[in-house]
Amino acid sequence: MRSWVEGANESDLNHLPYGAFRKEDSARLCVRIGPSLLDIAACEKDGLLDSLTVDVREACCQPSLNALLSLGPEAWHALRHRLRELLEDTAPGDIQTRVDWFLYPLREAQVVLPVDAGGYTDFMRACITRGVWGSCSGRTIRCCRTTSMCRSHTTVVRRRWW
């Protein structure tokens, strides 16, 4: 599966990461394809996502991924499938022309946080903020690791590796 987008390689259509970027003082959802960002909200407003449900189309126009994420895997797969159709080299020329208007060079984009993570706690960040890096709750942290995010007041069971 190849894309018509200049600079995109074969694996780009299999991995279209969602994100958000700032355009005209507002955040907009996007996917990355090669060296470009595709403005999902603009595609929706232009009618390129009309084959999707109303809920998915409305979520595409939100400033964060929260609404889309709340719709679940079926909605995510439907959107990703439609985006692939628009970006594949087999897309009709008129579709490619329309989509091309909504591609922005990644190097010129101001990327913003794609989710509103209110009500979540970052375990390692809490340690850093309290000035106890290397020791949290009296336990020495022996190596760097990816942080864990969970809803506030959620019981977290961690594997004991220290």
N, C-alpha and C. Protein backbone atom coordinates (compact mmCIF):
# COMPACT_ATOMS: atom_id res chain seq x y z
N MET A 1 0.84 -1.17 0.00
CA MET A 1 0.00 0.00 0.00
C MET A 1 0.90 1.24 0.00
N ARG A 2 0.76 2.06 -1.01
CA ARG A 2 1.58 3.26 -1.15
C ARG A 2 0.70 4.50 -1.06
N SER A 3 1.33 5.60 -0.69
CA SER A 3 0.62 6.87 -0.60
C SER A 3 1.06 7.80 -1.71
N TRP A 4 0.17 8.67 -2.12
CA TRP A 4 0.49 9.68 -3.12
C TRP A 4 1.16 10.90 -2.48
N VAL A 5 1.17 10.98 -1.15
CA VAL A 5 1.74 12.14 -0.45
C VAL A 5 3.25 12.14 -0.63
N GLU A 6 3.78 13.25 -1.10
CA GLU A 6 5.22 13.37 -1.34
C GLU A 6 5.99 13.19 -0.03
N GLY A 7 6.99 12.33 -0.05
CA GLY A 7 7.83 12.09 1.12
C GLY A 7 7.34 10.98 2.02
N ALA A 8 6.15 10.46 1.76
CA ALA A 8 5.62 9.36 2.58
C ALA A 8 6.18 8.04 2.06
N ASN A 9 6.46 7.10 2.97
CA ASN A 9 6.93 5.79 2.52
C ASN A 9 5.83 4.75 2.71
N GLU A 10 6.13 3.52 2.33
CA GLU A 10 5.12 2.47 2.35
C GLU A 10 4.55 2.19 3.73
N SER A 11 5.36 2.31 4.77
CA SER A 11 4.87 2.00 6.10
C SER A 11 4.01 3.11 6.70
N ASP A 12 4.05 4.30 6.12
CA ASP A 12 3.29 5.42 6.68
C ASP A 12 1.79 5.17 6.71
N LEU A 13 1.24 4.50 5.73
CA LEU A 13 -0.20 4.24 5.71
C LEU A 13 -0.61 3.21 6.75
N ASN A 14 0.31 2.38 7.18
CA ASN A 14 0.01 1.40 8.23
C ASN A 14 0.13 2.01 9.61
N HIS A 15 0.74 3.16 9.69
CA HIS A 15 0.94 3.82 10.98
C HIS A 15 0.64 5.30 10.79
N LEU A 16 -0.61 5.67 11.00
CA LEU A 16 -1.03 7.07 10.90
C LEU A 16 -1.28 7.60 12.31
N PRO A 17 -0.25 8.09 12.98
CA PRO A 17 -0.44 8.53 14.36
C PRO A 17 -1.31 9.78 14.45
N TYR A 18 -2.27 9.72 15.36
CA TYR A 18 -3.13 10.87 15.62
C TYR A 18 -2.36 11.90 16.44
N GLY A 19 -2.75 13.14 16.29
CA GLY A 19 -2.15 14.21 17.07
C GLY A 19 -3.02 15.44 16.98
N ALA A 20 -2.46 16.57 17.41
CA ALA A 20 -3.15 17.85 17.31
C ALA A 20 -2.12 18.93 17.02
N PHE A 21 -2.54 19.96 16.31
CA PHE A 21 -1.66 21.07 16.02
C PHE A 21 -2.46 22.37 16.10
N ARG A 22 -1.76 23.46 16.23
CA ARG A 22 -2.41 24.75 16.34
C ARG A 22 -2.49 25.40 14.97
N LYS A 23 -3.71 25.85 14.64
CA LYS A 23 -3.93 26.57 13.39
C LYS A 23 -4.87 27.73 13.69
N GLU A 24 -4.41 28.92 13.39
CA GLU A 24 -5.24 30.11 13.63
C GLU A 24 -5.79 30.17 15.05
N ASP A 25 -4.93 30.01 16.02
CA ASP A 25 -5.26 30.11 17.45
C ASP A 25 -6.23 29.05 17.96
N SER A 26 -6.38 27.94 17.27
CA SER A 26 -7.20 26.85 17.80
C SER A 26 -6.51 25.52 17.50
N ALA A 27 -6.73 24.57 18.38
CA ALA A 27 -6.16 23.23 18.19
C ALA A 27 -7.04 22.44 17.24
N ARG A 28 -6.40 21.65 16.38
CA ARG A 28 -7.11 20.83 15.40
C ARG A 28 -6.49 19.45 15.39
N LEU A 29 -7.32 18.44 15.19
CA LEU A 29 -6.82 17.08 15.12
C LEU A 29 -6.17 16.82 13.78
N CYS A 30 -5.19 15.92 13.80
CA CYS A 30 -4.46 15.60 12.58
C CYS A 30 -3.93 14.18 12.66
N VAL A 31 -3.44 13.69 11.54
CA VAL A 31 -2.63 12.48 11.49
C VAL A 31 -1.36 12.85 10.75
N ARG A 32 -0.29 12.15 11.10
CA ARG A 32 0.98 12.38 10.42
C ARG A 32 1.09 11.39 9.27
N ILE A 33 1.49 11.91 8.13
CA ILE A 33 1.77 11.07 6.96
C ILE A 33 3.07 11.59 6.37
N GLY A 34 4.13 10.81 6.53
CA GLY A 34 5.44 11.24 6.06
C GLY A 34 5.85 12.52 6.74
N PRO A 35 6.28 13.53 5.96
CA PRO A 35 6.73 14.79 6.55
C PRO A 35 5.59 15.81 6.72
N SER A 36 4.34 15.33 6.65
CA SER A 36 3.19 16.23 6.68
C SER A 36 2.18 15.85 7.76
N LEU A 37 1.33 16.83 8.09
CA LEU A 37 0.18 16.60 8.95
C LEU A 37 -1.07 16.80 8.11
N LEU A 38 -2.03 15.90 8.26
CA LEU A 38 -3.31 16.03 7.57
C LEU A 38 -4.33 16.55 8.58
N ASP A 39 -4.92 17.69 8.29
CA ASP A 39 -5.93 18.33 9.14
C ASP A 39 -7.24 17.55 9.00
N ILE A 40 -7.58 16.77 10.04
CA ILE A 40 -8.77 15.92 10.01
C ILE A 40 -10.05 16.76 10.02
N ALA A 41 -10.07 17.83 10.81
CA ALA A 41 -11.26 18.67 10.89
C ALA A 41 -11.57 19.30 9.53
N ALA A 42 -10.54 19.74 8.83
CA ALA A 42 -10.74 20.33 7.50
C ALA A 42 -11.29 19.29 6.53
N CYS A 43 -10.79 18.05 6.63
CA CYS A 43 -11.32 16.98 5.77
C CYS A 43 -12.81 16.76 6.04
N GLU A 44 -13.18 16.80 7.32
CA GLU A 44 -14.59 16.61 7.68
C GLU A 44 -15.44 17.74 7.12
N LYS A 45 -14.99 18.96 7.30
CA LYS A 45 -15.76 20.13 6.84
C LYS A 45 -15.90 20.14 5.31
N ASP A 46 -14.94 19.55 4.62
CA ASP A 46 -14.98 19.48 3.15
C ASP A 46 -15.82 18.30 2.65
N GLY A 47 -16.33 17.48 3.56
CA GLY A 47 -17.16 16.35 3.15
C GLY A 47 -16.40 15.08 2.84
N LEU A 48 -15.10 15.06 3.08
CA LEU A 48 -14.30 13.89 2.77
C LEU A 48 -14.53 12.73 3.74
N LEU A 49 -15.16 13.02 4.89
CA LEU A 49 -15.42 11.97 5.88
C LEU A 49 -16.90 11.65 6.00
N ASP A 50 -17.69 12.02 5.00
CA ASP A 50 -19.14 11.83 5.06
C ASP A 50 -19.57 10.37 5.19
N SER A 51 -18.72 9.43 4.85
CA SER A 51 -19.07 8.02 4.96
C SER A 51 -19.04 7.52 6.41
N LEU A 52 -18.51 8.34 7.32
CA LEU A 52 -18.43 7.97 8.73
C LEU A 52 -19.68 8.40 9.48
N THR A 53 -19.89 7.83 10.66
CA THR A 53 -21.05 8.20 11.45
C THR A 53 -20.95 9.65 11.92
N VAL A 54 -22.09 10.22 12.28
CA VAL A 54 -22.13 11.60 12.75
C VAL A 54 -21.25 11.77 14.00
N ASP A 55 -21.29 10.80 14.92
CA ASP A 55 -20.48 10.88 16.13
C ASP A 55 -18.99 10.98 15.82
N VAL A 56 -18.53 10.18 14.88
CA VAL A 56 -17.11 10.20 14.51
C VAL A 56 -16.76 11.53 13.85
N ARG A 57 -17.61 11.98 12.95
CA ARG A 57 -17.35 13.26 12.27
C ARG A 57 -17.31 14.42 13.25
N GLU A 58 -18.22 14.42 14.22
CA GLU A 58 -18.22 15.48 15.23
C GLU A 58 -16.95 15.41 16.08
N ALA A 59 -16.52 14.21 16.43
CA ALA A 59 -15.30 14.03 17.23
C ALA A 59 -14.07 14.54 16.48
N CYS A 60 -14.09 14.42 15.17
CA CYS A 60 -12.96 14.89 14.35
C CYS A 60 -12.81 16.41 14.38
N CYS A 61 -13.85 17.11 14.75
CA CYS A 61 -13.82 18.58 14.78
C CYS A 61 -13.52 19.13 16.16
N GLN A 62 -13.25 18.26 17.12
CA GLN A 62 -12.92 18.69 18.48
C GLN A 62 -11.44 19.07 18.57
N PRO A 63 -11.07 19.87 19.57
CA PRO A 63 -9.66 20.29 19.70
C PRO A 63 -8.75 19.24 20.34
N SER A 64 -9.34 18.15 20.84
CA SER A 64 -8.52 17.08 21.42
C SER A 64 -9.08 15.73 20.98
N LEU A 65 -8.32 14.68 21.24
CA LEU A 65 -8.73 13.33 20.87
C LEU A 65 -9.74 12.71 21.85
N ASN A 66 -10.06 13.39 22.94
CA ASN A 66 -10.90 12.80 23.98
C ASN A 66 -12.23 12.28 23.44
N ALA A 67 -12.94 13.07 22.65
CA ALA A 67 -14.24 12.64 22.12
C ALA A 67 -14.09 11.41 21.23
N LEU A 68 -13.08 11.41 20.38
CA LEU A 68 -12.83 10.26 19.51
C LEU A 68 -12.46 9.03 20.32
N LEU A 69 -11.61 9.19 21.30
CA LEU A 69 -11.20 8.06 22.14
C LEU A 69 -12.39 7.47 22.89
N SER A 70 -13.33 8.31 23.29
CA SER A 70 -14.49 7.81 24.04
C SER A 70 -15.43 6.98 23.17
N LEU A 71 -15.32 7.09 21.84
CA LEU A 71 -16.19 6.33 20.95
C LEU A 71 -15.78 4.87 20.80
N GLY A 72 -14.53 4.55 21.13
CA GLY A 72 -14.09 3.16 21.12
C GLY A 72 -13.45 2.70 19.82
N PRO A 73 -12.93 1.46 19.85
CA PRO A 73 -12.14 0.93 18.74
C PRO A 73 -12.86 0.88 17.39
N GLU A 74 -14.14 0.62 17.39
CA GLU A 74 -14.85 0.55 16.11
C GLU A 74 -14.78 1.90 15.39
N ALA A 75 -14.97 2.97 16.11
CA ALA A 75 -14.90 4.32 15.53
C ALA A 75 -13.47 4.63 15.08
N TRP A 76 -12.48 4.27 15.90
CA TRP A 76 -11.08 4.53 15.54
C TRP A 76 -10.72 3.83 14.25
N HIS A 77 -11.13 2.56 14.13
CA HIS A 77 -10.81 1.78 12.93
C HIS A 77 -11.50 2.35 11.69
N ALA A 78 -12.75 2.78 11.87
CA ALA A 78 -13.48 3.35 10.73
C ALA A 78 -12.79 4.62 10.23
N LEU A 79 -12.39 5.48 11.16
CA LEU A 79 -11.70 6.71 10.75
C LEU A 79 -10.37 6.40 10.09
N ARG A 80 -9.60 5.51 10.69
CA ARG A 80 -8.29 5.16 10.12
C ARG A 80 -8.46 4.56 8.72
N HIS A 81 -9.47 3.71 8.54
CA HIS A 81 -9.73 3.11 7.22
C HIS A 81 -10.04 4.20 6.19
N ARG A 82 -10.87 5.16 6.57
CA ARG A 82 -11.23 6.23 5.63
C ARG A 82 -10.01 7.11 5.32
N LEU A 83 -9.21 7.40 6.32
CA LEU A 83 -8.00 8.21 6.07
C LEU A 83 -7.04 7.48 5.13
N ARG A 84 -6.91 6.18 5.29
CA ARG A 84 -6.06 5.40 4.38
C ARG A 84 -6.59 5.51 2.95
N GLU A 85 -7.92 5.39 2.78
CA GLU A 85 -8.51 5.50 1.45
C GLU A 85 -8.16 6.85 0.81
N LEU A 86 -8.19 7.91 1.60
CA LEU A 86 -7.90 9.24 1.08
C LEU A 86 -6.43 9.42 0.72
N LEU A 87 -5.55 8.70 1.41
CA LEU A 87 -4.11 8.90 1.25
C LEU A 87 -3.43 7.86 0.36
N GLU A 88 -4.13 6.78 0.02
CA GLU A 88 -3.54 5.75 -0.86
C GLU A 88 -3.37 6.30 -2.26
N ASP A 89 -2.37 5.77 -2.96
CA ASP A 89 -2.14 6.22 -4.33
C ASP A 89 -3.26 5.82 -5.28
N THR A 90 -4.17 4.97 -4.83
CA THR A 90 -5.31 4.57 -5.66
C THR A 90 -6.50 5.53 -5.50
N ALA A 91 -6.39 6.54 -4.63
CA ALA A 91 -7.46 7.52 -4.47
C ALA A 91 -7.62 8.30 -5.77
N PRO A 92 -8.86 8.60 -6.16
CA PRO A 92 -9.08 9.38 -7.39
C PRO A 92 -8.36 10.72 -7.35
N GLY A 93 -7.97 11.21 -8.51
CA GLY A 93 -7.22 12.47 -8.61
C GLY A 93 -7.92 13.65 -7.97
N ASP A 94 -9.26 13.74 -8.11
CA ASP A 94 -9.97 14.87 -7.51
C ASP A 94 -9.94 14.80 -5.98
N ILE A 95 -9.96 13.59 -5.44
CA ILE A 95 -9.85 13.42 -3.98
C ILE A 95 -8.45 13.83 -3.52
N GLN A 96 -7.43 13.40 -4.25
CA GLN A 96 -6.06 13.76 -3.90
C GLN A 96 -5.89 15.28 -3.90
N THR A 97 -6.48 15.95 -4.88
CA THR A 97 -6.39 17.41 -4.97
C THR A 97 -7.05 18.07 -3.77
N ARG A 98 -8.23 17.56 -3.38
CA ARG A 98 -8.93 18.12 -2.22
C ARG A 98 -8.15 17.89 -0.94
N VAL A 99 -7.65 16.68 -0.76
CA VAL A 99 -6.90 16.35 0.47
C VAL A 99 -5.60 17.15 0.53
N ASP A 100 -4.96 17.36 -0.59
CA ASP A 100 -3.69 18.08 -0.62
C ASP A 100 -3.81 19.48 0.00
N TRP A 101 -4.97 20.09 -0.09
CA TRP A 101 -5.20 21.41 0.50
C TRP A 101 -5.07 21.37 2.02
N PHE A 102 -5.26 20.19 2.62
CA PHE A 102 -5.30 20.07 4.08
C PHE A 102 -4.04 19.43 4.66
N LEU A 103 -2.99 19.33 3.85
CA LEU A 103 -1.69 18.83 4.31
C LEU A 103 -0.80 20.01 4.67
N TYR A 104 -0.16 19.91 5.82
CA TYR A 104 0.74 20.97 6.29
C TYR A 104 2.10 20.36 6.60
N PRO A 105 3.18 21.05 6.25
CA PRO A 105 4.52 20.52 6.57
C PRO A 105 4.69 20.42 8.09
N LEU A 106 5.11 19.26 8.55
CA LEU A 106 5.31 19.04 9.98
C LEU A 106 6.30 20.04 10.57
N ARG A 107 7.35 20.35 9.83
CA ARG A 107 8.39 21.25 10.35
C ARG A 107 7.86 22.66 10.60
N GLU A 108 6.74 23.03 9.99
CA GLU A 108 6.17 24.37 10.16
C GLU A 108 4.99 24.38 11.14
N ALA A 109 4.57 23.21 11.60
CA ALA A 109 3.39 23.12 12.45
C ALA A 109 3.75 23.30 13.93
N GLN A 110 2.84 23.88 14.67
CA GLN A 110 2.99 23.97 16.12
C GLN A 110 2.16 22.84 16.71
N VAL A 111 2.83 21.76 17.10
CA VAL A 111 2.16 20.58 17.64
C VAL A 111 1.77 20.87 19.08
N VAL A 112 0.54 20.44 19.46
CA VAL A 112 0.05 20.66 20.82
C VAL A 112 -0.37 19.32 21.42
N LEU A 113 -0.61 19.31 22.72
CA LEU A 113 -1.03 18.11 23.42
C LEU A 113 -2.35 17.60 22.83
N PRO A 114 -2.41 16.34 22.37
CA PRO A 114 -3.59 15.86 21.67
C PRO A 114 -4.74 15.40 22.57
N VAL A 115 -4.52 15.30 23.87
CA VAL A 115 -5.58 14.88 24.78
C VAL A 115 -5.67 15.86 25.95
N ASP A 116 -6.87 15.98 26.47
CA ASP A 116 -7.08 16.75 27.69
C ASP A 116 -7.02 15.73 28.82
N ALA A 117 -5.91 15.72 29.53
CA ALA A 117 -5.66 14.68 30.53
C ALA A 117 -6.03 15.11 31.94
N GLY A 118 -7.02 15.96 32.08
CA GLY A 118 -7.46 16.40 33.40
C GLY A 118 -7.96 15.23 34.24
N GLY A 119 -7.68 15.26 35.53
CA GLY A 119 -8.12 14.20 36.42
C GLY A 119 -7.21 12.99 36.43
N TYR A 120 -6.02 13.13 35.85
CA TYR A 120 -5.07 12.04 35.83
C TYR A 120 -3.85 12.41 36.65
N THR A 121 -3.15 11.41 37.12
CA THR A 121 -1.95 11.63 37.91
C THR A 121 -0.79 10.92 37.24
N ASP A 122 0.31 11.60 37.11
CA ASP A 122 1.53 11.01 36.58
C ASP A 122 2.43 10.69 37.77
N PHE A 123 2.61 9.42 38.05
CA PHE A 123 3.34 8.96 39.23
C PHE A 123 4.74 9.55 39.31
N MET A 124 5.52 9.43 38.24
CA MET A 124 6.90 9.91 38.29
C MET A 124 6.95 11.43 38.38
N ARG A 125 6.03 12.11 37.73
CA ARG A 125 6.01 13.58 37.79
C ARG A 125 5.77 14.03 39.22
N ALA A 126 4.91 13.30 39.95
CA ALA A 126 4.65 13.64 41.34
C ALA A 126 5.93 13.54 42.16
N CYS A 127 6.75 12.54 41.88
CA CYS A 127 8.03 12.39 42.59
C CYS A 127 8.96 13.57 42.31
N ILE A 128 9.03 13.97 41.06
CA ILE A 128 9.91 15.08 40.68
C ILE A 128 9.42 16.37 41.32
N THR A 129 8.11 16.61 41.27
CA THR A 129 7.55 17.83 41.82
C THR A 129 7.82 17.95 43.31
N ARG A 130 7.75 16.83 44.03
CA ARG A 130 7.99 16.85 45.47
C ARG A 130 9.48 16.86 45.80
N GLY A 131 10.33 16.86 44.79
CA GLY A 131 11.76 16.94 45.02
C GLY A 131 12.36 15.66 45.58
N VAL A 132 11.74 14.55 45.28
CA VAL A 132 12.24 13.28 45.81
C VAL A 132 12.67 12.35 44.68
N TRP A 133 13.20 12.92 43.62
CA TRP A 133 13.67 12.09 42.50
C TRP A 133 14.70 11.09 43.01
N GLY A 134 14.52 9.87 42.65
CA GLY A 134 15.41 8.81 43.11
C GLY A 134 14.85 8.10 44.31
N SER A 135 13.90 8.70 44.99
CA SER A 135 13.28 8.06 46.14
C SER A 135 11.85 8.56 46.25
N CYS A 136 10.92 7.68 46.14
CA CYS A 136 9.52 8.06 46.25
C CYS A 136 8.88 7.10 47.24
N SER A 137 8.23 7.62 48.23
CA SER A 137 7.63 6.82 49.30
C SER A 137 8.68 5.96 49.99
N GLY A 138 9.89 6.48 50.11
CA GLY A 138 10.94 5.77 50.83
C GLY A 138 11.60 4.66 50.04
N ARG A 139 11.23 4.47 48.79
CA ARG A 139 11.83 3.41 47.98
C ARG A 139 12.72 4.04 46.92
N THR A 140 13.86 3.48 46.73
CA THR A 140 14.79 4.00 45.74
C THR A 140 14.37 3.54 44.36
N ILE A 141 14.34 4.48 43.44
CA ILE A 141 14.03 4.14 42.05
C ILE A 141 15.34 3.79 41.38
N ARG A 142 15.50 2.55 40.96
CA ARG A 142 16.78 2.06 40.49
C ARG A 142 17.04 2.29 39.00
N CYS A 143 16.02 2.58 38.24
CA CYS A 143 16.26 2.83 36.82
C CYS A 143 15.16 3.73 36.28
N CYS A 144 15.43 4.34 35.16
CA CYS A 144 14.41 5.15 34.52
C CYS A 144 13.39 4.22 33.88
N ARG A 145 12.17 4.63 33.89
CA ARG A 145 11.13 3.84 33.24
C ARG A 145 10.06 4.77 32.73
N THR A 146 9.25 4.26 31.85
CA THR A 146 8.15 5.03 31.33
C THR A 146 7.16 5.29 32.45
N THR A 147 6.62 6.47 32.50
CA THR A 147 5.68 6.81 33.55
C THR A 147 4.35 6.11 33.33
N SER A 148 3.58 6.03 34.39
CA SER A 148 2.25 5.44 34.33
C SER A 148 1.23 6.54 34.50
N MET A 149 0.18 6.50 33.71
CA MET A 149 -0.90 7.46 33.88
C MET A 149 -2.16 6.69 34.23
N CYS A 150 -2.90 7.21 35.18
CA CYS A 150 -4.16 6.59 35.56
C CYS A 150 -5.06 7.66 36.14
N ARG A 151 -6.34 7.38 36.21
CA ARG A 151 -7.28 8.32 36.82
C ARG A 151 -6.91 8.53 38.27
N SER A 152 -7.09 9.75 38.75
CA SER A 152 -6.83 10.04 40.14
C SER A 152 -7.65 9.11 41.03
N HIS A 153 -7.09 8.75 42.15
CA HIS A 153 -7.73 7.88 43.14
C HIS A 153 -7.91 6.44 42.65
N THR A 154 -7.18 6.05 41.62
CA THR A 154 -7.21 4.68 41.13
C THR A 154 -6.11 3.90 41.81
N THR A 155 -6.43 2.70 42.28
CA THR A 155 -5.41 1.86 42.89
C THR A 155 -4.53 1.28 41.79
N VAL A 156 -3.24 1.48 41.91
CA VAL A 156 -2.29 0.99 40.92
C VAL A 156 -1.46 -0.12 41.53
N VAL A 157 -1.44 -1.26 40.87
CA VAL A 157 -0.61 -2.38 41.33
C VAL A 157 0.62 -2.40 40.44
N ARG A 158 1.77 -2.20 41.03
CA ARG A 158 3.02 -2.16 40.27
C ARG A 158 3.84 -3.42 40.57
N ARG A 159 4.49 -3.90 39.56
CA ARG A 159 5.39 -5.02 39.74
C ARG A 159 6.57 -4.57 40.59
N ARG A 160 6.92 -5.32 41.56
CA ARG A 160 8.05 -4.95 42.44
C ARG A 160 9.36 -5.31 41.77
N TRP A 161 10.08 -4.32 41.33
CA TRP A 161 11.37 -4.55 40.70
C TRP A 161 12.49 -3.89 41.47
N TRP A 162 12.21 -3.30 42.59
CA TRP A 162 13.26 -2.67 43.40
C TRP A 162 13.55 -3.44 44.65
